[in-house]
Amino acid sequence: MKKNAKIKIDISFDLYSEQESFNTIAAICAYAGIRKPETEEDFSVIGSANEVAGWKRYSFTTDVDAGFSEEI
């Protein structure tokens, strides 16, 4: 990876819920970056864990400035 590169990160995963609920029981969050997340504000909420009964795919896209880091 080149130093100071701008990189587009796409994350997707599937989550299973036994039942659908209009109440938010748990939030689905994601993060990508060069530093380890330390606070709740570092994460983006991308959905609710019980939006559907069964499997649902969640996706998160962000641009990361790699700076001088060699890991994301």
Protein backbone atom coordinates (compact mmCIF):
# COMPACT_ATOMS: atom_id res chain seq x y z
CA MET A 1 0.00 0.00 0.00
CA LYS A 2 1.32 3.45 -0.90
CA LYS A 3 1.86 6.01 1.86
CA ASN A 4 -0.89 8.67 2.07
CA ALA A 5 -3.18 6.56 -0.13
CA LYS A 6 -6.94 7.15 -0.04
CA ILE A 7 -8.64 3.76 0.09
CA LYS A 8 -12.30 2.86 -0.29
CA ILE A 9 -13.32 0.18 2.21
CA ASP A 10 -16.40 -2.00 1.62
CA ILE A 11 -17.51 -4.28 4.46
CA SER A 12 -20.51 -6.59 4.28
CA PHE A 13 -21.75 -9.39 6.49
CA ASP A 14 -24.91 -11.35 7.21
CA LEU A 15 -26.68 -11.41 10.56
CA TYR A 16 -29.44 -13.78 11.69
CA SER A 17 -32.39 -12.75 13.88
CA GLU A 18 -35.05 -15.18 15.03
CA GLN A 19 -37.80 -12.58 14.82
CA GLU A 20 -38.55 -9.16 13.41
CA SER A 21 -39.23 -6.31 15.82
CA PHE A 22 -39.98 -2.64 15.38
CA ASN A 23 -38.10 -1.96 18.62
CA THR A 24 -34.35 -1.66 18.34
CA ILE A 25 -33.02 -4.46 20.53
CA ALA A 26 -29.42 -4.13 19.33
CA ALA A 27 -27.69 -1.79 16.90
CA ILE A 28 -25.42 -3.08 14.14
CA CYS A 29 -22.23 -1.01 14.01
CA ALA A 30 -19.16 -0.95 11.77
CA TYR A 31 -15.76 0.72 11.70
CA ALA A 32 -12.76 0.85 9.37
CA GLY A 33 -9.71 3.03 9.86
CA ILE A 34 -6.02 3.20 10.68
CA ARG A 35 -6.50 3.55 14.44
CA LYS A 36 -8.19 1.12 16.80
CA PRO A 37 -11.66 2.40 17.72
CA GLU A 38 -11.73 3.61 21.32
CA THR A 39 -15.16 5.15 21.89
CA GLU A 40 -18.71 4.51 20.82
CA GLU A 41 -18.55 7.57 18.55
CA ASP A 42 -15.84 5.87 16.45
CA PHE A 43 -18.47 3.43 15.10
CA SER A 44 -21.21 4.05 12.54
CA VAL A 45 -24.66 2.56 13.21
CA ILE A 46 -25.70 0.77 10.01
CA GLY A 47 -28.94 -0.86 11.11
CA SER A 48 -30.94 -2.70 13.70
CA ALA A 49 -30.27 -6.36 14.52
CA ASN A 50 -33.90 -7.35 14.26
CA GLU A 51 -35.10 -5.57 11.12
CA VAL A 52 -36.20 -8.89 9.58
CA ALA A 53 -36.80 -12.46 10.71
CA GLY A 54 -34.02 -14.60 9.30
CA TRP A 55 -30.82 -13.53 7.57
CA LYS A 56 -30.11 -9.96 6.47
CA ARG A 57 -27.03 -8.54 4.77
CA TYR A 58 -25.54 -5.35 6.22
CA SER A 59 -23.03 -3.18 4.36
CA PHE A 60 -20.71 -0.34 5.27
CA THR A 61 -18.58 1.77 2.93
CA THR A 62 -16.08 4.44 3.92
CA ASP A 63 -13.00 6.19 2.55
CA VAL A 64 -9.85 5.91 4.66
CA ASP A 65 -6.78 8.12 4.40
CA ALA A 66 -4.01 5.62 5.09
CA GLY A 67 -1.48 8.31 6.04
CA PHE A 68 1.77 6.59 6.97
CA SER A 69 0.05 3.46 8.30
CA GLU A 70 0.64 0.09 6.68
CA GLU A 71 -2.53 -1.45 8.18
CA ILE A 72 -6.22 -0.62 8.00
